């Protein structure tokens, strides 16, 4: 991994372009093993990994406008700490595999490049919706910007959302401007348990009610029973207590149990949904229509596997040791997700397995056309273009 100083970055990228050498954009390198393997150039053992770890500064924070501009290598945990001094935060989840205090959460640039939103998207939408400005460097060293530093800026081509979830295959992200929010003064949670069909009805009622939870997630922790985790936030403790009482009452009507979660108890449950800092041989990203989520959780291929699934989004993460999840069950699970109108992405798999990380998207021709425009020499993250199945990486 090469970690250049900011002043050296552009010249290094230009040199790689001149040599037509393949390379992989990286933040802090915490999740480079996620996704499909990256192809090296002829005669090369590994592609060059170019880290932005030294682009780690908070460039500007405007508390009054609720915006912050950071370099792409800035650790997410450090940015959240800076914002907390002003009672603000980025309304995004710690990535899967982070520990409860945000340790191991990686960089802001890496979070945007993967584009994987967690449970807070229920109320605050995803990381792509927090972006209001971006700076990047193309494979030939050309610098570009899109968006701006104010929330209502809409000028220019929407490069922000194009790069969000691009996995480093289009350009190197160097700088980001994001929207911040006030930290909720009060937060409470509920853990709902009961028969799956009763929980499904309760979850459906909650999503269609006048309440506005931060997150509503199906959660099966390691070695535990499946339940529904609800997180609520407000400026008023009385309002929260009324909402908790309302949900608990409705749970009783649906023959479900409810447990109120405060402080550390809520944080512990949230930590279970992000793996609690664990390493997993299998890490899967699943997606189905939200109304088919409860059905997906009952699939035999997922039996006994820890999983967290957004009740409103239908997006899930599942993880397991190699011995607990044979490869054929992953293949069966992918087919079932497709039958339910969704997808399955293999983020991590045990050594020796060759299941493709993702399959072709219907828009593959358009995706490849955009790739050619940004990276004519096909240098960036070879074999890791989302929505394009690369048989040579099997």
Protein backbone atom coordinates (compact mmCIF):
# COMPACT_ATOMS: atom_id res chain seq x y z
CA UNK A 1 0.00 0.00 0.00
CA UNK A 2 1.33 3.43 -0.97
CA UNK A 3 0.38 6.30 1.34
CA UNK A 4 1.54 9.52 -0.34
CA UNK A 5 1.58 12.99 1.10
CA UNK A 6 -1.20 15.21 -0.32
CA UNK A 7 1.28 17.20 -2.42
CA UNK A 8 2.59 13.95 -3.99
CA UNK A 9 -0.76 12.43 -4.86
CA UNK A 10 -1.45 13.96 -8.28
CA UNK A 11 2.04 13.29 -9.62
CA UNK A 12 1.87 9.68 -8.45
CA UNK A 13 -1.48 9.15 -10.17
CA UNK A 14 -0.13 10.66 -13.38
CA UNK A 15 2.87 8.31 -13.24
CA UNK A 16 0.58 5.27 -12.80
CA UNK A 17 -1.48 6.48 -15.75
CA UNK A 18 1.61 6.93 -17.91
CA UNK A 19 2.67 3.34 -17.15
CA UNK A 20 -0.92 2.06 -17.63
CA UNK A 21 -0.56 0.32 -14.26
CA UNK A 22 -3.74 -0.91 -12.57
CA UNK A 23 -4.34 0.50 -9.11
CA UNK A 24 -6.92 0.46 -6.36
CA UNK A 25 -8.13 3.61 -4.58
CA UNK A 26 -8.22 3.13 -0.81
CA UNK A 27 -9.03 5.01 2.35
CA UNK A 28 -7.57 3.47 5.51
CA UNK A 29 -7.53 -0.03 4.03
CA UNK A 30 -9.89 -1.53 6.63
CA UNK A 31 -12.18 -3.25 4.11
CA UNK A 32 -10.08 -3.84 1.00
CA UNK A 33 -10.95 -7.54 1.26
CA UNK A 34 -14.64 -6.82 0.69
CA UNK A 35 -16.04 -7.41 -2.79
CA UNK A 36 -14.54 -9.27 -5.75
CA UNK A 37 -10.77 -9.71 -6.07
CA UNK A 38 -8.94 -6.96 -7.94
CA UNK A 39 -6.95 -7.90 -11.01
CA UNK A 40 -3.27 -7.01 -11.28
CA UNK A 41 -1.46 -6.01 -14.44
CA UNK A 42 0.65 -8.37 -16.60
CA UNK A 43 3.65 -9.58 -14.62
CA UNK A 44 2.39 -7.99 -11.39
CA UNK A 45 1.52 -10.00 -8.29
CA UNK A 46 -0.85 -7.39 -6.88
CA UNK A 47 -2.31 -4.09 -8.08
CA UNK A 48 -0.96 -0.92 -6.52
CA UNK A 49 -3.10 0.19 -3.57
CA UNK A 50 -3.15 3.98 -3.24
CA UNK A 51 -4.26 5.12 0.22
CA UNK A 52 -5.64 8.54 1.18
CA UNK A 53 -4.77 7.96 4.84
CA UNK A 54 -2.75 11.21 4.92
CA UNK A 55 -5.67 13.19 3.51
CA UNK A 56 -7.23 13.15 6.96
CA UNK A 57 -8.13 16.73 7.80
CA UNK A 58 -11.44 18.39 8.60
CA UNK A 59 -11.21 21.34 6.20
CA UNK A 60 -14.27 23.32 7.26
CA UNK A 61 -17.16 22.91 9.66
CA UNK A 62 -19.98 25.41 9.54
CA UNK A 63 -22.24 24.58 12.49
CA UNK A 64 -24.77 27.26 11.52
CA UNK A 65 -25.25 25.84 8.01
CA UNK A 66 -25.00 22.23 9.25
CA UNK A 67 -22.27 21.29 6.77
CA UNK A 68 -18.79 19.85 7.08
CA UNK A 69 -16.01 19.49 4.50
CA UNK A 70 -13.42 16.77 5.08
CA UNK A 71 -10.63 15.06 3.20
CA UNK A 72 -11.50 11.56 2.05
CA UNK A 73 -9.04 9.80 4.35
CA UNK A 74 -10.48 11.35 7.52
CA UNK A 75 -11.58 8.55 9.90
CA UNK A 76 -15.34 8.45 10.38
CA UNK A 77 -14.89 8.12 14.15
CA UNK A 78 -12.72 11.27 14.29
CA UNK A 79 -15.23 13.25 12.22
CA UNK A 80 -18.07 12.22 14.50
CA UNK A 81 -16.02 13.28 17.53
CA UNK A 82 -15.38 16.70 15.97
CA UNK A 83 -19.08 17.17 15.26
CA UNK A 84 -20.07 16.01 18.74
CA UNK A 85 -18.26 19.02 20.20
CA UNK A 86 -20.98 21.11 18.54
CA UNK A 87 -23.81 18.67 19.34
CA UNK A 88 -24.00 17.55 15.71
CA UNK A 89 -23.43 14.26 13.88
CA UNK A 90 -23.39 12.57 10.48
CA UNK A 91 -26.62 10.55 10.45
CA UNK A 92 -24.98 7.37 9.16
CA UNK A 93 -24.30 3.97 10.66
CA UNK A 94 -20.91 2.68 11.62
CA UNK A 95 -19.97 0.17 8.88
CA UNK A 96 -20.45 -3.51 9.59
CA UNK A 97 -17.53 -4.82 11.62
CA UNK A 98 -17.03 -1.62 13.62
CA UNK A 99 -16.93 -1.88 17.37
CA UNK A 100 -19.34 0.01 19.62
CA UNK A 101 -17.14 3.10 19.92
CA UNK A 102 -16.62 3.37 16.18
CA UNK A 103 -13.15 1.78 16.26
CA UNK A 104 -12.34 0.16 12.95
CA UNK A 105 -14.99 2.21 11.15
CA UNK A 106 -12.63 3.28 8.34
CA UNK A 107 -12.59 6.54 6.42
CA UNK A 108 -15.31 8.85 5.13
CA UNK A 109 -14.13 8.27 1.56
CA UNK A 110 -14.34 4.51 1.97
CA UNK A 111 -17.85 4.77 3.40
CA UNK A 112 -18.99 6.77 0.36
CA UNK A 113 -17.15 4.54 -2.13
CA UNK A 114 -18.95 1.46 -0.81
CA UNK A 115 -22.28 3.30 -0.54
CA UNK A 116 -23.74 0.85 1.97
CA UNK A 117 -26.34 2.53 4.17
CA UNK A 118 -27.40 1.04 7.49
CA UNK A 119 -30.52 1.21 9.60
CA UNK A 120 -30.53 4.98 10.05
CA UNK A 121 -31.67 5.36 6.44
CA UNK A 122 -35.17 4.66 7.83
CA UNK A 123 -35.31 8.29 8.99
CA UNK A 124 -32.23 10.05 7.60
CA UNK A 125 -31.79 8.29 4.22
CA UNK A 126 -28.41 6.93 3.11
CA UNK A 127 -24.88 8.28 2.83
CA UNK A 128 -25.49 9.38 -0.76
CA UNK A 129 -28.26 11.62 0.53
CA UNK A 130 -25.89 13.25 3.02
CA UNK A 131 -23.50 14.32 0.22
CA UNK A 132 -23.67 17.88 -1.05
CA UNK A 133 -20.21 18.24 -2.59
CA UNK A 134 -17.32 16.07 -3.77
CA UNK A 135 -13.79 16.44 -5.14
CA UNK A 136 -12.13 13.65 -7.08
CA UNK A 137 -9.11 12.70 -9.13
CA UNK A 138 -9.51 10.75 -12.34
CA UNK A 139 -7.21 7.93 -13.38
CA UNK A 140 -5.11 10.36 -15.45
CA UNK A 141 -4.63 12.75 -12.52
CA UNK A 142 -7.26 15.26 -13.64
CA UNK A 143 -8.99 16.93 -10.70
CA UNK A 144 -12.73 17.63 -10.72
CA UNK A 145 -15.46 18.88 -8.38
CA UNK A 146 -19.21 18.55 -8.19
CA UNK A 147 -21.86 20.03 -5.93
CA UNK A 148 -20.86 22.69 -3.45
CA UNK A 149 -20.81 23.65 0.22
CA UNK A 150 -24.46 24.52 0.79
CA UNK A 151 -27.36 22.14 1.19
CA UNK A 152 -29.42 23.59 -1.68
CA UNK A 153 -26.60 23.51 -4.24
CA UNK A 154 -27.78 21.66 -7.36
CA UNK A 155 -25.32 22.94 -9.97
CA UNK A 156 -23.41 20.61 -12.28
CA UNK A 157 -23.54 16.95 -13.18
CA UNK A 158 -24.44 14.65 -10.27
CA UNK A 159 -21.01 13.05 -9.86
CA UNK A 160 -21.70 12.63 -6.15
CA UNK A 161 -24.25 9.89 -6.52
CA UNK A 162 -22.37 8.35 -9.43
CA UNK A 163 -19.28 7.84 -7.27
CA UNK A 164 -21.27 6.74 -4.21
CA UNK A 165 -21.17 2.95 -4.37
CA UNK A 166 -18.66 2.86 -7.26
CA UNK A 167 -16.12 0.85 -5.20
CA UNK A 168 -13.21 2.94 -6.48
CA UNK A 169 -13.83 1.90 -10.07
CA UNK A 170 -14.40 5.40 -11.50
CA UNK A 171 -12.13 7.84 -9.64
CA UNK A 172 -10.27 8.53 -6.41
CA UNK A 173 -12.41 10.53 -3.99
CA UNK A 174 -10.27 13.22 -2.34
CA UNK A 175 -12.71 15.54 -0.54
CA UNK A 176 -16.32 15.50 0.63
CA UNK A 177 -18.87 18.00 1.88
CA UNK A 178 -21.71 16.47 3.88
CA UNK A 179 -24.86 17.56 5.61
CA UNK A 180 -24.89 17.31 9.40
CA UNK A 181 -27.76 17.14 11.87
CA UNK A 182 -28.27 18.06 15.52
CA UNK A 183 -27.64 15.19 17.93
CA UNK A 184 -31.02 14.06 19.32
CA UNK A 185 -31.11 14.98 23.03
CA UNK A 186 -33.13 11.90 23.90
CA UNK A 187 -33.11 8.39 22.47
CA UNK A 188 -34.97 5.22 23.46
CA UNK A 189 -35.31 1.77 21.97
CA UNK A 190 -37.57 -1.24 22.09
CA UNK A 191 -36.86 -4.89 21.50
CA UNK A 192 -39.94 -6.70 20.20
CA UNK A 193 -40.20 -10.47 20.27
CA UNK A 194 -42.86 -12.97 19.32
CA UNK A 195 -44.14 -15.19 16.50
CA UNK A 196 -42.77 -14.10 13.08
CA UNK A 197 -46.22 -13.45 11.60
CA UNK A 198 -47.18 -11.28 14.59
CA UNK A 199 -43.93 -9.34 14.40
CA UNK A 200 -44.52 -8.80 10.68
CA UNK A 201 -47.94 -7.27 11.36
CA UNK A 202 -46.54 -5.16 14.18
CA UNK A 203 -43.70 -3.92 12.00
CA UNK A 204 -46.09 -3.06 9.17
CA UNK A 205 -48.31 -1.10 11.56
CA UNK A 206 -45.32 0.81 12.91
CA UNK A 207 -44.02 1.77 9.46
CA UNK A 208 -47.43 3.06 8.45
CA UNK A 209 -48.16 4.87 11.70
CA UNK A 210 -47.70 8.56 12.47
CA UNK A 211 -44.63 7.71 14.56
CA UNK A 212 -41.19 8.48 13.11
CA UNK A 213 -38.65 5.95 14.42
CA UNK A 214 -35.00 6.33 13.52
CA UNK A 215 -34.77 2.69 12.59
CA UNK A 216 -36.94 -0.42 12.50
CA UNK A 217 -34.90 -3.56 11.92
CA UNK A 218 -35.36 -7.27 12.01
CA UNK A 219 -32.41 -8.62 13.99
CA UNK A 220 -31.24 -12.15 14.65
CA UNK A 221 -28.12 -11.82 16.82
CA UNK A 222 -25.54 -14.62 16.98
CA UNK A 223 -27.09 -17.48 18.91
CA UNK A 224 -30.30 -15.53 19.58
CA UNK A 225 -33.92 -15.38 18.51
CA UNK A 226 -35.20 -13.11 15.74
CA UNK A 227 -36.87 -9.93 16.91
CA UNK A 228 -37.53 -6.37 15.81
CA UNK A 229 -35.36 -3.52 17.06
CA UNK A 230 -36.91 -0.04 17.15
CA UNK A 231 -34.93 3.13 17.86
CA UNK A 232 -36.69 6.42 18.63
CA UNK A 233 -35.22 9.91 19.01
CA UNK A 234 -36.71 13.26 20.02
CA UNK A 235 -36.00 16.55 21.74
CA UNK A 236 -38.69 15.67 24.27
CA UNK A 237 -38.39 12.83 26.77
CA UNK A 238 -42.15 12.92 27.34
CA UNK A 239 -42.78 12.43 23.63
CA UNK A 240 -40.45 9.43 23.60
CA UNK A 241 -42.13 7.86 26.61
CA UNK A 242 -45.53 8.28 24.95
CA UNK A 243 -44.25 6.63 21.75
CA UNK A 244 -42.66 3.77 23.68
CA UNK A 245 -45.92 3.20 25.58
CA UNK A 246 -47.90 3.27 22.33
CA UNK A 247 -45.66 0.70 20.63
CA UNK A 248 -45.59 -1.53 23.72
CA UNK A 249 -49.39 -1.43 23.87
CA UNK A 250 -49.69 -2.37 20.21
CA UNK A 251 -47.16 -5.21 20.76
CA UNK A 252 -49.41 -6.64 23.47
CA UNK A 253 -52.36 -6.53 21.07
CA UNK A 254 -50.31 -8.58 18.57
CA UNK A 255 -49.24 -11.12 21.22
CA UNK A 256 -45.66 -9.81 21.14
CA UNK A 257 -43.36 -9.04 24.05
CA UNK A 258 -41.62 -5.68 24.36
CA UNK A 259 -38.52 -4.60 26.27
CA UNK A 260 -37.57 -0.95 26.65
CA UNK A 261 -33.91 -0.24 25.88
CA UNK A 262 -32.09 2.75 27.38
CA UNK A 263 -28.47 3.84 27.11
CA UNK A 264 -26.03 0.94 27.00
CA UNK A 265 -28.77 -1.63 26.40
CA UNK A 266 -29.74 0.09 23.15
CA UNK A 267 -26.10 0.50 22.10
CA UNK A 268 -25.50 -3.22 22.74
CA UNK A 269 -28.39 -4.17 20.46
CA UNK A 270 -27.17 -1.80 17.76
CA UNK A 271 -23.70 -3.29 18.10
CA UNK A 272 -25.11 -6.77 17.53
CA UNK A 273 -26.52 -5.57 14.21
CA UNK A 274 -23.12 -4.43 12.96
CA UNK A 275 -21.29 -7.57 13.97
CA UNK A 276 -19.81 -6.11 17.15
CA UNK A 277 -16.33 -5.80 15.67
CA UNK A 278 -16.33 -9.43 14.56
CA UNK A 279 -14.52 -10.91 11.57
CA UNK A 280 -16.69 -13.15 9.44
CA UNK A 281 -15.71 -15.69 6.80
CA UNK A 282 -19.04 -15.04 5.05
CA UNK A 283 -20.46 -11.53 4.82
CA UNK A 284 -23.50 -11.11 2.58
CA UNK A 285 -25.47 -8.07 1.50
CA UNK A 286 -29.05 -8.98 0.64
CA UNK A 287 -31.94 -6.98 -0.74
CA UNK A 288 -35.58 -7.80 -1.40
CA UNK A 289 -38.82 -5.86 -1.61
CA UNK A 290 -39.57 -4.64 1.93
CA UNK A 291 -42.83 -6.56 2.11
CA UNK A 292 -40.91 -9.79 1.37
CA UNK A 293 -38.36 -9.23 4.14
CA UNK A 294 -40.12 -11.42 6.75
CA UNK A 295 -40.41 -14.16 4.13
CA UNK A 296 -36.68 -13.96 3.42
CA UNK A 297 -35.87 -14.38 7.10
CA UNK A 298 -37.74 -17.71 7.12
CA UNK A 299 -35.66 -19.15 4.28
CA UNK A 300 -33.96 -22.46 5.20
CA UNK A 301 -30.71 -21.17 3.70
CA UNK A 302 -30.64 -18.43 6.38
CA UNK A 303 -31.56 -20.73 9.26
CA UNK A 304 -29.38 -20.05 12.29
CA UNK A 305 -27.40 -17.30 10.52
CA UNK A 306 -27.06 -13.87 12.18
CA UNK A 307 -28.82 -11.22 10.11
CA UNK A 308 -30.05 -7.64 10.36
CA UNK A 309 -32.70 -6.44 7.89
CA UNK A 310 -34.23 -2.99 7.47
CA UNK A 311 -38.01 -3.35 7.74
CA UNK A 312 -38.63 -0.37 5.43
CA UNK A 313 -35.77 -0.90 2.97
CA UNK A 314 -35.58 -4.67 2.62
CA UNK A 315 -31.77 -4.40 2.79
CA UNK A 316 -29.90 -6.83 5.00
CA UNK A 317 -26.50 -8.01 6.17
CA UNK A 318 -25.89 -11.65 7.07
CA UNK A 319 -22.68 -13.19 8.35
CA UNK A 320 -21.36 -16.59 9.38
CA UNK A 321 -18.30 -18.73 9.94
CA UNK A 322 -17.20 -20.97 7.08
CA UNK A 323 -18.42 -24.12 8.87
CA UNK A 324 -21.89 -22.67 9.50
CA UNK A 325 -22.71 -21.72 5.91
CA UNK A 326 -21.81 -24.05 3.02
CA UNK A 327 -21.35 -22.39 -0.36
CA UNK A 328 -24.35 -24.19 -1.87
CA UNK A 329 -26.63 -22.47 0.66
CA UNK A 330 -25.29 -19.08 -0.43
CA UNK A 331 -26.06 -19.96 -4.05
CA UNK A 332 -29.55 -21.08 -3.03
CA UNK A 333 -30.03 -17.88 -1.07
CA UNK A 334 -29.01 -15.78 -4.09
CA UNK A 335 -31.57 -17.56 -6.26
CA UNK A 336 -34.24 -17.00 -3.63
CA UNK A 337 -33.42 -13.29 -3.37
CA UNK A 338 -33.80 -13.01 -7.14
CA UNK A 339 -37.16 -14.80 -6.98
CA UNK A 340 -38.23 -12.23 -4.39
CA UNK A 341 -37.27 -9.39 -6.73
CA UNK A 342 -33.94 -8.65 -5.07
CA UNK A 343 -30.24 -9.46 -5.08
CA UNK A 344 -27.39 -10.90 -3.07
CA UNK A 345 -23.86 -9.47 -2.92
CA UNK A 346 -21.01 -11.54 -1.50
CA UNK A 347 -18.81 -9.09 0.38
CA UNK A 348 -16.59 -11.75 1.98
CA UNK A 349 -16.26 -15.49 1.47
CA UNK A 350 -13.95 -18.20 2.83
CA UNK A 351 -10.73 -18.95 0.98
CA UNK A 352 -11.23 -21.42 -1.85
CA UNK A 353 -14.78 -20.33 -2.67
CA UNK A 354 -15.41 -18.66 -6.02
CA UNK A 355 -18.98 -17.36 -5.82
CA UNK A 356 -19.16 -14.08 -7.81
CA UNK A 357 -19.57 -11.03 -5.60
CA UNK A 358 -22.33 -9.70 -7.84
CA UNK A 359 -24.02 -10.59 -11.10
CA UNK A 360 -24.75 -8.48 -14.16
CA UNK A 361 -27.18 -5.64 -13.64
CA UNK A 362 -29.75 -4.93 -16.38
CA UNK A 363 -27.93 -1.64 -16.93
CA UNK A 364 -24.53 -3.28 -17.56
CA UNK A 365 -24.01 -1.59 -20.98
CA UNK A 366 -24.60 1.85 -19.46
CA UNK A 367 -22.32 1.06 -16.49
CA UNK A 368 -19.51 -0.01 -18.80
CA UNK A 369 -19.99 3.09 -20.96
CA UNK A 370 -19.57 5.32 -17.91
CA UNK A 371 -16.47 3.34 -16.91
CA UNK A 372 -14.90 3.93 -20.33
CA UNK A 373 -15.51 7.66 -20.04
CA UNK A 374 -13.90 7.93 -16.61
CA UNK A 375 -11.17 5.33 -16.99
CA UNK A 376 -10.33 4.62 -20.67
CA UNK A 377 -7.29 2.50 -19.78
CA UNK A 378 -9.33 0.40 -17.32
CA UNK A 379 -6.80 1.00 -14.55
CA UNK A 380 -9.00 1.53 -11.51
CA UNK A 381 -10.19 -1.43 -9.43
CA UNK A 382 -10.06 -3.91 -12.31
CA UNK A 383 -12.69 -6.62 -11.83
CA UNK A 384 -14.58 -4.55 -9.26
CA UNK A 385 -17.13 -2.63 -11.33
CA UNK A 386 -20.51 -2.89 -9.56
CA UNK A 387 -23.21 -4.44 -11.71
CA UNK A 388 -20.71 -6.13 -14.03
CA UNK A 389 -19.97 -9.82 -13.51
CA UNK A 390 -16.33 -10.49 -14.36
CA UNK A 391 -15.91 -14.21 -15.02
CA UNK A 392 -12.11 -13.91 -14.97
CA UNK A 393 -12.15 -13.21 -11.21
CA UNK A 394 -13.67 -16.59 -10.38
